[in-house]
N, C-alpha and C. Protein backbone atom coordinates (compact mmCIF):
# COMPACT_ATOMS: atom_id res chain seq x y z
N MET A 1 0.84 -1.17 0.00
CA MET A 1 0.00 0.00 0.00
C MET A 1 0.89 1.24 0.00
N ILE A 2 0.29 2.38 -0.24
CA ILE A 2 1.02 3.64 -0.31
C ILE A 2 1.26 4.15 1.11
N HIS A 3 2.50 4.47 1.41
CA HIS A 3 2.86 5.03 2.71
C HIS A 3 3.52 6.38 2.48
N CYS A 4 3.18 7.35 3.31
CA CYS A 4 3.77 8.68 3.20
C CYS A 4 4.73 8.92 4.35
N GLU A 5 5.97 9.21 4.00
CA GLU A 5 6.98 9.59 4.99
C GLU A 5 6.74 11.06 5.32
N ILE A 6 6.12 11.32 6.46
CA ILE A 6 5.68 12.66 6.79
C ILE A 6 6.82 13.68 6.84
N GLU A 7 8.01 13.23 7.18
CA GLU A 7 9.15 14.15 7.23
C GLU A 7 9.51 14.69 5.85
N ARG A 8 9.13 13.97 4.80
CA ARG A 8 9.48 14.35 3.44
C ARG A 8 8.35 15.05 2.68
N CYS A 9 7.12 14.88 3.13
CA CYS A 9 5.98 15.45 2.40
C CYS A 9 5.97 16.97 2.55
N VAL A 10 5.88 17.66 1.41
CA VAL A 10 5.86 19.13 1.43
C VAL A 10 4.48 19.68 1.07
N GLY A 11 3.52 18.80 0.90
CA GLY A 11 2.15 19.25 0.62
C GLY A 11 1.95 19.82 -0.76
N CYS A 12 2.76 19.44 -1.73
CA CYS A 12 2.67 20.00 -3.08
C CYS A 12 1.43 19.53 -3.84
N ARG A 13 0.86 18.43 -3.40
CA ARG A 13 -0.34 17.84 -4.00
C ARG A 13 -0.13 17.27 -5.41
N MET A 14 1.12 17.08 -5.79
CA MET A 14 1.38 16.45 -7.08
C MET A 14 0.82 15.03 -7.11
N CYS A 15 0.76 14.38 -5.96
CA CYS A 15 0.19 13.04 -5.89
C CYS A 15 -1.28 13.06 -6.28
N GLU A 16 -2.01 14.07 -5.82
CA GLU A 16 -3.43 14.20 -6.17
C GLU A 16 -3.59 14.44 -7.67
N VAL A 17 -2.73 15.28 -8.23
CA VAL A 17 -2.78 15.58 -9.66
C VAL A 17 -2.50 14.31 -10.47
N ALA A 18 -1.43 13.60 -10.13
CA ALA A 18 -1.06 12.39 -10.87
C ALA A 18 -2.14 11.32 -10.76
N CYS A 19 -2.72 11.17 -9.59
CA CYS A 19 -3.76 10.17 -9.39
C CYS A 19 -4.99 10.48 -10.22
N SER A 20 -5.47 11.71 -10.14
CA SER A 20 -6.67 12.05 -10.90
C SER A 20 -6.41 11.97 -12.40
N ALA A 21 -5.23 12.38 -12.85
CA ALA A 21 -4.89 12.30 -14.27
C ALA A 21 -4.84 10.84 -14.73
N PHE A 22 -4.25 9.97 -13.91
CA PHE A 22 -4.16 8.56 -14.26
C PHE A 22 -5.53 7.91 -14.38
N HIS A 23 -6.42 8.21 -13.42
CA HIS A 23 -7.71 7.54 -13.37
C HIS A 23 -8.81 8.19 -14.21
N SER A 24 -8.68 9.48 -14.50
CA SER A 24 -9.80 10.14 -15.17
C SER A 24 -9.39 11.03 -16.34
N ASP A 25 -8.11 11.05 -16.66
CA ASP A 25 -7.62 11.92 -17.73
C ASP A 25 -7.97 13.38 -17.49
N SER A 26 -8.08 13.77 -16.23
CA SER A 26 -8.32 15.16 -15.88
C SER A 26 -7.59 15.46 -14.58
N VAL A 27 -7.44 16.74 -14.29
CA VAL A 27 -6.79 17.14 -13.05
C VAL A 27 -7.87 17.68 -12.12
N SER A 28 -8.20 16.86 -11.13
CA SER A 28 -9.25 17.23 -10.19
C SER A 28 -9.02 16.50 -8.87
N PRO A 29 -8.74 17.24 -7.81
CA PRO A 29 -8.56 16.58 -6.50
C PRO A 29 -9.77 15.74 -6.11
N ALA A 30 -10.95 16.10 -6.57
CA ALA A 30 -12.15 15.33 -6.25
C ALA A 30 -12.10 13.92 -6.82
N LEU A 31 -11.29 13.71 -7.84
CA LEU A 31 -11.18 12.40 -8.48
C LEU A 31 -9.95 11.62 -8.03
N SER A 32 -9.19 12.18 -7.13
CA SER A 32 -7.98 11.53 -6.66
C SER A 32 -8.30 10.49 -5.60
N ARG A 33 -7.52 9.44 -5.59
CA ARG A 33 -7.66 8.39 -4.56
C ARG A 33 -6.68 8.61 -3.41
N ILE A 34 -5.92 9.69 -3.48
CA ILE A 34 -5.00 10.08 -2.42
C ILE A 34 -5.27 11.54 -2.11
N ARG A 35 -5.26 11.90 -0.85
CA ARG A 35 -5.56 13.28 -0.45
C ARG A 35 -4.52 13.76 0.55
N VAL A 36 -4.14 15.01 0.43
CA VAL A 36 -3.17 15.59 1.34
C VAL A 36 -3.91 16.27 2.49
N ALA A 37 -3.56 15.88 3.70
CA ALA A 37 -4.11 16.51 4.90
C ALA A 37 -3.04 17.43 5.47
N LYS A 38 -3.45 18.60 5.88
CA LYS A 38 -2.53 19.58 6.47
C LYS A 38 -2.72 19.61 7.98
N VAL A 39 -1.61 19.65 8.70
CA VAL A 39 -1.65 19.83 10.15
C VAL A 39 -1.09 21.23 10.39
N GLU A 40 -1.98 22.20 10.34
CA GLU A 40 -1.59 23.61 10.37
C GLU A 40 -0.81 24.00 11.62
N GLU A 41 -1.21 23.49 12.77
CA GLU A 41 -0.58 23.94 14.02
C GLU A 41 0.90 23.62 14.12
N ILE A 42 1.37 22.62 13.35
CA ILE A 42 2.81 22.36 13.36
C ILE A 42 3.41 22.44 11.96
N GLY A 43 2.61 22.78 10.97
CA GLY A 43 3.14 23.03 9.64
C GLY A 43 3.62 21.82 8.88
N VAL A 44 2.90 20.71 8.97
CA VAL A 44 3.26 19.52 8.20
C VAL A 44 2.07 19.05 7.37
N ASP A 45 2.39 18.26 6.37
CA ASP A 45 1.38 17.70 5.49
C ASP A 45 1.56 16.19 5.45
N LEU A 46 0.48 15.49 5.12
CA LEU A 46 0.53 14.04 5.03
C LEU A 46 -0.41 13.59 3.92
N ALA A 47 0.14 12.91 2.92
CA ALA A 47 -0.68 12.34 1.86
C ALA A 47 -1.29 11.04 2.38
N ILE A 48 -2.60 10.91 2.22
CA ILE A 48 -3.30 9.75 2.78
C ILE A 48 -4.06 9.02 1.68
N ALA A 49 -3.76 7.74 1.54
CA ALA A 49 -4.51 6.83 0.69
C ALA A 49 -4.83 5.61 1.56
N CYS A 50 -5.57 4.67 1.03
CA CYS A 50 -5.87 3.46 1.78
C CYS A 50 -4.57 2.83 2.26
N VAL A 51 -4.48 2.57 3.55
CA VAL A 51 -3.26 2.01 4.13
C VAL A 51 -3.32 0.49 4.29
N GLY A 52 -4.43 -0.11 3.90
CA GLY A 52 -4.53 -1.56 3.99
C GLY A 52 -4.60 -2.04 5.43
N CYS A 53 -5.46 -1.45 6.22
CA CYS A 53 -5.56 -1.82 7.63
C CYS A 53 -5.99 -3.27 7.79
N GLU A 54 -5.62 -3.86 8.89
CA GLU A 54 -5.93 -5.27 9.11
C GLU A 54 -7.43 -5.51 9.28
N GLU A 55 -8.17 -4.53 9.79
CA GLU A 55 -9.60 -4.73 10.05
C GLU A 55 -10.47 -4.65 8.81
N LYS A 56 -10.06 -3.89 7.80
CA LYS A 56 -10.83 -3.70 6.57
C LYS A 56 -12.27 -3.25 6.88
N TYR A 57 -12.38 -2.16 7.63
CA TYR A 57 -13.68 -1.62 8.01
C TYR A 57 -14.56 -1.33 6.80
N CYS A 58 -13.94 -0.91 5.71
CA CYS A 58 -14.70 -0.54 4.51
C CYS A 58 -15.48 -1.71 3.93
N LEU A 59 -15.09 -2.94 4.24
CA LEU A 59 -15.77 -4.10 3.69
C LEU A 59 -17.15 -4.32 4.31
N GLU A 60 -17.60 -3.40 5.14
CA GLU A 60 -18.95 -3.47 5.70
C GLU A 60 -19.99 -3.14 4.64
N CYS A 61 -19.62 -3.17 3.40
CA CYS A 61 -20.48 -2.86 2.27
C CYS A 61 -21.79 -3.66 2.35
N THR A 62 -22.90 -2.96 2.20
CA THR A 62 -24.21 -3.60 2.35
C THR A 62 -24.56 -4.54 1.20
N VAL A 63 -23.88 -4.40 0.04
CA VAL A 63 -24.18 -5.26 -1.11
C VAL A 63 -22.96 -6.08 -1.54
N ASP A 64 -21.94 -6.15 -0.69
CA ASP A 64 -20.73 -6.92 -0.97
C ASP A 64 -20.09 -6.56 -2.31
N ALA A 65 -20.02 -5.25 -2.58
CA ALA A 65 -19.41 -4.78 -3.83
C ALA A 65 -17.90 -4.60 -3.70
N LEU A 66 -17.36 -4.86 -2.52
CA LEU A 66 -15.94 -4.65 -2.29
C LEU A 66 -15.24 -5.96 -1.93
N THR A 67 -14.05 -6.14 -2.50
CA THR A 67 -13.22 -7.29 -2.18
C THR A 67 -11.79 -6.79 -2.03
N VAL A 68 -10.93 -7.67 -1.54
CA VAL A 68 -9.52 -7.34 -1.38
C VAL A 68 -8.74 -7.97 -2.53
N GLY A 69 -7.94 -7.14 -3.22
CA GLY A 69 -7.14 -7.60 -4.34
C GLY A 69 -5.88 -8.31 -3.88
N ASP A 70 -5.10 -8.79 -4.81
CA ASP A 70 -3.92 -9.58 -4.51
C ASP A 70 -2.80 -8.79 -3.85
N ARG A 71 -2.81 -7.48 -3.92
CA ARG A 71 -1.79 -6.66 -3.25
C ARG A 71 -2.35 -5.97 -2.02
N GLY A 72 -3.55 -6.35 -1.61
CA GLY A 72 -4.18 -5.76 -0.43
C GLY A 72 -5.07 -4.58 -0.75
N GLN A 73 -5.13 -4.16 -2.01
CA GLN A 73 -5.97 -3.04 -2.39
C GLN A 73 -7.45 -3.44 -2.40
N ILE A 74 -8.30 -2.46 -2.19
CA ILE A 74 -9.74 -2.71 -2.23
C ILE A 74 -10.21 -2.59 -3.67
N VAL A 75 -10.96 -3.59 -4.12
CA VAL A 75 -11.47 -3.64 -5.48
C VAL A 75 -12.99 -3.41 -5.42
N VAL A 76 -13.45 -2.47 -6.23
CA VAL A 76 -14.87 -2.12 -6.27
C VAL A 76 -15.52 -2.75 -7.49
N ASP A 77 -16.59 -3.49 -7.27
CA ASP A 77 -17.40 -4.01 -8.37
C ASP A 77 -18.40 -2.92 -8.71
N ARG A 78 -18.09 -2.14 -9.73
CA ARG A 78 -18.92 -0.98 -10.10
C ARG A 78 -20.35 -1.37 -10.44
N GLY A 79 -20.56 -2.57 -10.93
CA GLY A 79 -21.90 -3.03 -11.26
C GLY A 79 -22.74 -3.32 -10.03
N GLU A 80 -22.09 -3.72 -8.94
CA GLU A 80 -22.79 -4.05 -7.70
C GLU A 80 -22.96 -2.85 -6.78
N CYS A 81 -21.99 -1.92 -6.81
CA CYS A 81 -22.01 -0.78 -5.90
C CYS A 81 -23.25 0.07 -6.13
N MET A 82 -23.95 0.37 -5.04
CA MET A 82 -25.16 1.19 -5.15
C MET A 82 -24.94 2.61 -4.61
N GLY A 83 -23.69 2.94 -4.29
CA GLY A 83 -23.38 4.31 -3.87
C GLY A 83 -23.90 4.70 -2.50
N CYS A 84 -23.97 3.76 -1.59
CA CYS A 84 -24.54 4.03 -0.26
C CYS A 84 -23.58 4.79 0.66
N GLU A 85 -22.30 4.80 0.34
CA GLU A 85 -21.24 5.47 1.09
C GLU A 85 -20.91 4.85 2.45
N VAL A 86 -21.35 3.64 2.70
CA VAL A 86 -21.00 2.97 3.95
C VAL A 86 -19.49 2.82 4.05
N CYS A 87 -18.84 2.46 2.96
CA CYS A 87 -17.39 2.30 2.97
C CYS A 87 -16.68 3.61 3.30
N VAL A 88 -17.20 4.71 2.80
CA VAL A 88 -16.64 6.03 3.09
C VAL A 88 -16.78 6.33 4.58
N ASP A 89 -17.95 6.07 5.11
CA ASP A 89 -18.22 6.34 6.53
C ASP A 89 -17.44 5.43 7.47
N GLU A 90 -17.15 4.21 7.04
CA GLU A 90 -16.48 3.24 7.90
C GLU A 90 -14.96 3.42 7.96
N CYS A 91 -14.36 4.07 6.97
CA CYS A 91 -12.91 4.22 6.98
C CYS A 91 -12.49 5.17 8.10
N PRO A 92 -11.74 4.68 9.08
CA PRO A 92 -11.41 5.52 10.24
C PRO A 92 -10.42 6.64 9.94
N ILE A 93 -9.73 6.58 8.79
CA ILE A 93 -8.76 7.64 8.49
C ILE A 93 -9.19 8.49 7.29
N GLY A 94 -10.39 8.31 6.80
CA GLY A 94 -10.90 9.14 5.72
C GLY A 94 -10.21 8.92 4.39
N ALA A 95 -9.74 7.71 4.13
CA ALA A 95 -8.98 7.45 2.91
C ALA A 95 -9.86 7.14 1.70
N VAL A 96 -11.13 6.92 1.91
CA VAL A 96 -12.03 6.58 0.80
C VAL A 96 -12.69 7.85 0.29
N GLY A 97 -12.48 8.13 -0.98
CA GLY A 97 -13.13 9.26 -1.61
C GLY A 97 -14.48 8.83 -2.18
N PHE A 98 -15.21 9.78 -2.71
CA PHE A 98 -16.51 9.46 -3.30
C PHE A 98 -16.82 10.49 -4.36
N HIS A 99 -17.20 10.02 -5.55
CA HIS A 99 -17.53 10.92 -6.64
C HIS A 99 -18.54 10.25 -7.56
N GLU A 100 -19.60 10.98 -7.89
CA GLU A 100 -20.64 10.49 -8.79
C GLU A 100 -21.13 9.10 -8.43
N GLU A 101 -21.54 8.96 -7.18
CA GLU A 101 -22.16 7.72 -6.68
C GLU A 101 -21.22 6.52 -6.64
N GLN A 102 -19.91 6.75 -6.65
CA GLN A 102 -18.96 5.65 -6.59
C GLN A 102 -17.84 5.95 -5.60
N PRO A 103 -17.44 4.96 -4.80
CA PRO A 103 -16.29 5.16 -3.90
C PRO A 103 -14.99 5.15 -4.70
N LEU A 104 -14.03 5.89 -4.19
CA LEU A 104 -12.71 5.98 -4.83
C LEU A 104 -11.67 5.40 -3.88
N PHE A 105 -11.17 4.22 -4.20
CA PHE A 105 -10.14 3.54 -3.43
C PHE A 105 -8.84 3.54 -4.21
N CYS A 106 -7.73 3.62 -3.51
CA CYS A 106 -6.44 3.47 -4.16
C CYS A 106 -6.36 2.05 -4.72
N ASP A 107 -6.14 1.95 -6.02
CA ASP A 107 -6.03 0.63 -6.65
C ASP A 107 -4.59 0.33 -7.07
N LEU A 108 -3.67 1.15 -6.58
CA LEU A 108 -2.24 1.01 -6.86
C LEU A 108 -1.92 1.15 -8.35
N CYS A 109 -2.84 1.76 -9.09
CA CYS A 109 -2.64 2.04 -10.53
C CYS A 109 -2.20 0.80 -11.30
N GLY A 110 -2.66 -0.34 -10.88
CA GLY A 110 -2.30 -1.57 -11.58
C GLY A 110 -0.91 -2.09 -11.27
N GLY A 111 -0.21 -1.47 -10.32
CA GLY A 111 1.10 -1.97 -9.91
C GLY A 111 2.18 -0.91 -9.83
N THR A 112 2.05 0.17 -10.58
CA THR A 112 3.01 1.26 -10.53
C THR A 112 2.25 2.54 -10.21
N PRO A 113 2.08 2.83 -8.93
CA PRO A 113 1.28 3.99 -8.54
C PRO A 113 1.83 5.31 -9.09
N ALA A 114 0.96 6.05 -9.77
CA ALA A 114 1.34 7.33 -10.37
C ALA A 114 1.81 8.31 -9.31
N CYS A 115 1.21 8.28 -8.13
CA CYS A 115 1.58 9.22 -7.07
C CYS A 115 3.00 8.98 -6.57
N VAL A 116 3.38 7.71 -6.45
CA VAL A 116 4.73 7.37 -6.01
C VAL A 116 5.75 7.80 -7.07
N GLU A 117 5.41 7.57 -8.32
CA GLU A 117 6.31 7.91 -9.41
C GLU A 117 6.55 9.42 -9.51
N ILE A 118 5.53 10.24 -9.23
CA ILE A 118 5.64 11.69 -9.44
C ILE A 118 6.15 12.44 -8.22
N CYS A 119 6.09 11.86 -7.05
CA CYS A 119 6.42 12.59 -5.82
C CYS A 119 7.84 13.18 -5.89
N PRO A 120 7.95 14.51 -5.87
CA PRO A 120 9.26 15.13 -6.04
C PRO A 120 10.21 14.97 -4.85
N THR A 121 9.68 14.62 -3.69
CA THR A 121 10.53 14.48 -2.51
C THR A 121 10.68 13.02 -2.07
N ASP A 122 10.16 12.11 -2.85
CA ASP A 122 10.17 10.68 -2.52
C ASP A 122 9.52 10.39 -1.17
N ALA A 123 8.49 11.18 -0.85
CA ALA A 123 7.77 10.97 0.40
C ALA A 123 6.85 9.76 0.32
N LEU A 124 6.43 9.40 -0.88
CA LEU A 124 5.51 8.28 -1.05
C LEU A 124 6.27 7.03 -1.45
N VAL A 125 5.98 5.95 -0.75
CA VAL A 125 6.60 4.67 -1.04
C VAL A 125 5.53 3.59 -1.08
N LEU A 126 5.78 2.59 -1.88
CA LEU A 126 4.90 1.44 -1.98
C LEU A 126 5.43 0.38 -1.04
N ARG A 127 4.60 -0.03 -0.08
CA ARG A 127 5.02 -1.03 0.90
C ARG A 127 4.07 -2.21 0.88
N ASP A 128 4.61 -3.38 1.10
CA ASP A 128 3.79 -4.58 1.25
C ASP A 128 3.42 -4.73 2.71
N GLY A 129 2.40 -5.51 2.95
CA GLY A 129 2.02 -5.79 4.33
C GLY A 129 0.77 -5.03 4.75
N VAL A 130 0.34 -5.36 5.95
CA VAL A 130 -0.88 -4.80 6.51
C VAL A 130 -0.51 -3.82 7.60
N GLU A 131 -1.19 -2.70 7.62
CA GLU A 131 -0.96 -1.69 8.66
C GLU A 131 -1.57 -2.17 9.97
N PRO A 132 -1.02 -1.71 11.08
CA PRO A 132 -1.59 -2.07 12.38
C PRO A 132 -3.00 -1.53 12.53
N SER A 133 -3.61 -1.93 13.59
CA SER A 133 -5.00 -1.56 13.85
C SER A 133 -5.22 -0.05 13.81
N LEU A 134 -6.31 0.33 13.19
CA LEU A 134 -6.71 1.74 13.15
C LEU A 134 -7.86 2.01 14.12
N GLU A 135 -8.09 1.07 15.02
CA GLU A 135 -9.19 1.19 15.97
C GLU A 135 -9.18 2.51 16.75
N PRO A 136 -8.02 3.05 17.13
CA PRO A 136 -8.05 4.32 17.87
C PRO A 136 -8.73 5.47 17.12
N PHE A 137 -8.80 5.37 15.80
CA PHE A 137 -9.37 6.45 15.01
C PHE A 137 -10.88 6.30 14.81
N LEU A 138 -11.45 5.20 15.27
CA LEU A 138 -12.88 4.96 15.06
C LEU A 138 -13.76 5.99 15.76
N LYS A 139 -13.27 6.61 16.80
CA LYS A 139 -14.09 7.55 17.56
C LYS A 139 -14.12 8.95 16.94
N THR A 140 -13.33 9.19 15.90
CA THR A 140 -13.30 10.50 15.27
C THR A 140 -14.64 10.77 14.61
N ARG A 141 -15.26 11.85 14.99
CA ARG A 141 -16.56 12.23 14.43
C ARG A 141 -16.36 13.14 13.22
N GLY A 142 -17.34 13.12 12.34
CA GLY A 142 -17.30 14.01 11.19
C GLY A 142 -17.00 13.26 9.91
N GLY A 143 -16.89 14.01 8.85
CA GLY A 143 -16.68 13.43 7.54
C GLY A 143 -15.26 12.96 7.30
N ALA A 144 -15.02 12.52 6.07
CA ALA A 144 -13.72 11.97 5.70
C ALA A 144 -12.59 12.98 5.89
N ALA A 145 -12.84 14.25 5.57
CA ALA A 145 -11.80 15.27 5.72
C ALA A 145 -11.39 15.43 7.18
N ARG A 146 -12.34 15.40 8.07
CA ARG A 146 -12.04 15.52 9.51
C ARG A 146 -11.27 14.29 9.99
N ARG A 147 -11.64 13.11 9.51
CA ARG A 147 -10.92 11.89 9.92
C ARG A 147 -9.49 11.90 9.38
N ARG A 148 -9.29 12.39 8.13
CA ARG A 148 -7.94 12.51 7.59
C ARG A 148 -7.11 13.46 8.45
N ALA A 149 -7.70 14.59 8.82
CA ALA A 149 -6.98 15.57 9.64
C ALA A 149 -6.61 14.98 10.99
N SER A 150 -7.51 14.23 11.60
CA SER A 150 -7.24 13.62 12.89
C SER A 150 -6.11 12.60 12.78
N TYR A 151 -6.16 11.79 11.75
CA TYR A 151 -5.12 10.79 11.52
C TYR A 151 -3.77 11.47 11.29
N ALA A 152 -3.76 12.49 10.45
CA ALA A 152 -2.51 13.21 10.16
C ALA A 152 -1.92 13.83 11.42
N LYS A 153 -2.77 14.36 12.27
CA LYS A 153 -2.30 14.98 13.50
C LYS A 153 -1.63 13.95 14.41
N VAL A 154 -2.21 12.78 14.52
CA VAL A 154 -1.63 11.72 15.36
C VAL A 154 -0.31 11.24 14.76
N VAL A 155 -0.27 11.07 13.44
CA VAL A 155 0.96 10.63 12.79
C VAL A 155 2.05 11.69 12.94
N ALA A 156 1.66 12.96 12.91
CA ALA A 156 2.62 14.06 13.00
C ALA A 156 3.13 14.31 14.41
N GLU A 157 2.43 13.87 15.42
CA GLU A 157 2.81 14.17 16.80
C GLU A 157 4.23 13.74 17.17
N PRO A 158 4.67 12.52 16.80
CA PRO A 158 6.06 12.16 17.11
C PRO A 158 7.08 13.09 16.44
N LEU A 159 6.77 13.52 15.24
CA LEU A 159 7.65 14.46 14.54
C LEU A 159 7.70 15.79 15.29
N ARG A 160 6.56 16.25 15.72
CA ARG A 160 6.50 17.49 16.50
C ARG A 160 7.32 17.36 17.78
N GLU A 161 7.19 16.23 18.45
CA GLU A 161 7.95 16.02 19.69
C GLU A 161 9.45 16.02 19.43
N ARG A 162 9.89 15.40 18.33
CA ARG A 162 11.32 15.42 17.98
C ARG A 162 11.78 16.84 17.69
N TRP A 163 10.96 17.60 16.96
CA TRP A 163 11.32 18.98 16.67
C TRP A 163 11.43 19.81 17.93
N MET A 164 10.48 19.60 18.83
CA MET A 164 10.49 20.37 20.08
C MET A 164 11.68 19.99 20.93
N ALA A 165 12.02 18.71 20.98
CA ALA A 165 13.20 18.28 21.75
C ALA A 165 14.45 18.90 21.16
N GLY A 166 14.54 18.96 19.85
CA GLY A 166 15.68 19.58 19.18
C GLY A 166 15.74 21.06 19.46
N ALA A 167 14.58 21.70 19.50
CA ALA A 167 14.52 23.14 19.75
C ALA A 167 14.99 23.48 21.17
N ARG A 168 14.73 22.58 22.11
CA ARG A 168 15.12 22.82 23.50
C ARG A 168 16.61 22.64 23.73
N LEU A 169 17.26 21.88 22.85
CA LEU A 169 18.70 21.64 23.03
C LEU A 169 19.49 22.93 22.86
N GLY A 170 19.12 23.70 21.87
CA GLY A 170 19.74 25.02 21.67
C GLY A 170 21.26 24.99 21.47
N PRO A 171 21.86 26.18 21.30
CA PRO A 171 23.31 26.27 21.09
C PRO A 171 24.09 26.09 22.38
């Protein structure tokens, strides 16, 4: 799955551009399967796509239109999906987009993710394996954007602590 090294992400949103261009032949953040969340209070950004959590909360689909692909990506059966947005609501980190009655999941671009290829700072990497539990994020209220912001803030906190420790050392 796509992992963002928060120390390297500069929030340029080239990942969103590359993703939407790859999937829709247009440049539109609304069509991107990866979204950049900003943590304003400490000035960091984090690109967020499906992280392949072990729980697979999104599979709570009411019509079983979602399955797990061979690389851990979520596969949408467009013929079965009825656009209920349960998968969007169930994702604890807000990684599932939604456009024109269809969920938008990172599908790894068929094996060579456009976002990883375009990232100018090499902040995005393709990793195998399953992410640890995202259960702590289940209590976040609000839409996908709020859940992304909450996730980004938690991921950024260790970086903030390292920066603050460095700032206290002084000359």
